[in-house]
């Protein structure tokens, strides 16, 4: 697997984590109460922080050398 493809999968996983975090936060604020609300919210924030670190890795790791045609 090439470096560019690996970065694409990491970014896609980070986007999935962000989506899951938003859905979890919304669900916990509308439907849950008490300690369960706190646990789901904490898990969602951990997912969001992890996704942010992954996106920073992809963005700041620099460009991938591509094919040179011709």
Protein backbone atom coordinates (compact mmCIF):
# COMPACT_ATOMS: atom_id res chain seq x y z
CA UNK A 1 0.00 0.00 0.00
CA UNK A 2 1.40 3.37 -0.99
CA UNK A 3 1.95 6.24 1.43
CA UNK A 4 -0.74 8.34 -0.25
CA UNK A 5 -3.33 5.56 0.01
CA UNK A 6 -2.47 5.02 3.67
CA UNK A 7 -2.97 8.73 4.39
CA UNK A 8 -6.32 8.58 2.60
CA UNK A 9 -7.51 5.71 4.83
CA UNK A 10 -6.31 7.49 7.97
CA UNK A 11 -8.19 10.65 6.95
CA UNK A 12 -11.31 8.63 6.13
CA UNK A 13 -11.14 6.95 9.54
CA UNK A 14 -10.81 10.35 11.20
CA UNK A 15 -13.85 11.64 9.33
CA UNK A 16 -15.78 8.56 10.50
CA UNK A 17 -14.73 9.22 14.09
CA UNK A 18 -15.93 12.82 13.81
CA UNK A 19 -19.27 11.69 12.40
CA UNK A 20 -19.67 9.16 15.22
CA UNK A 21 -18.78 11.80 17.80
CA UNK A 22 -21.37 14.28 16.50
CA UNK A 23 -24.12 11.64 16.45
CA UNK A 24 -23.17 10.46 19.96
CA UNK A 25 -23.16 13.98 21.42
CA UNK A 26 -26.52 14.76 19.83
CA UNK A 27 -28.04 11.50 21.08
CA UNK A 28 -26.70 11.92 24.61
CA UNK A 29 -27.98 15.48 24.94
CA UNK A 30 -31.47 14.66 23.67
CA UNK A 31 -32.17 11.17 25.02
CA UNK A 32 -29.90 10.26 27.93
CA UNK A 33 -29.66 11.31 31.56
CA UNK A 34 -27.28 10.83 34.45
CA UNK A 35 -24.09 8.82 34.35
CA UNK A 36 -24.87 7.24 30.97
CA UNK A 37 -25.05 10.72 29.43
CA UNK A 38 -21.63 11.54 30.90
CA UNK A 39 -20.06 8.29 29.65
CA UNK A 40 -21.39 8.66 26.09
CA UNK A 41 -20.36 12.33 25.99
CA UNK A 42 -16.87 11.56 27.30
CA UNK A 43 -16.44 8.80 24.71
CA UNK A 44 -17.60 11.16 21.96
CA UNK A 45 -15.10 13.83 22.99
CA UNK A 46 -12.30 11.26 23.05
CA UNK A 47 -13.29 10.25 19.50
CA UNK A 48 -13.26 13.90 18.41
CA UNK A 49 -9.82 14.56 19.92
CA UNK A 50 -8.43 11.39 18.32
CA UNK A 51 -9.86 12.42 14.95
CA UNK A 52 -8.30 15.86 15.28
CA UNK A 53 -4.87 14.38 16.00
CA UNK A 54 -5.18 12.05 13.01
CA UNK A 55 -6.18 14.91 10.70
CA UNK A 56 -3.24 17.00 11.97
CA UNK A 57 -0.94 14.08 11.20
CA UNK A 58 -2.26 13.80 7.64
CA UNK A 59 -2.14 17.55 6.97
CA UNK A 60 1.29 18.25 8.44
CA UNK A 61 3.05 15.13 7.15
CA UNK A 62 3.47 16.84 3.81
CA UNK A 63 2.69 15.97 0.24
CA UNK A 64 3.26 12.55 -1.24
CA UNK A 65 5.45 12.40 -4.34
CA UNK A 66 3.29 11.40 -7.28
CA UNK A 67 3.92 9.73 -10.59
CA UNK A 68 6.13 11.58 -13.01
CA UNK A 69 4.71 11.13 -16.48
CA UNK A 70 6.63 11.88 -19.62
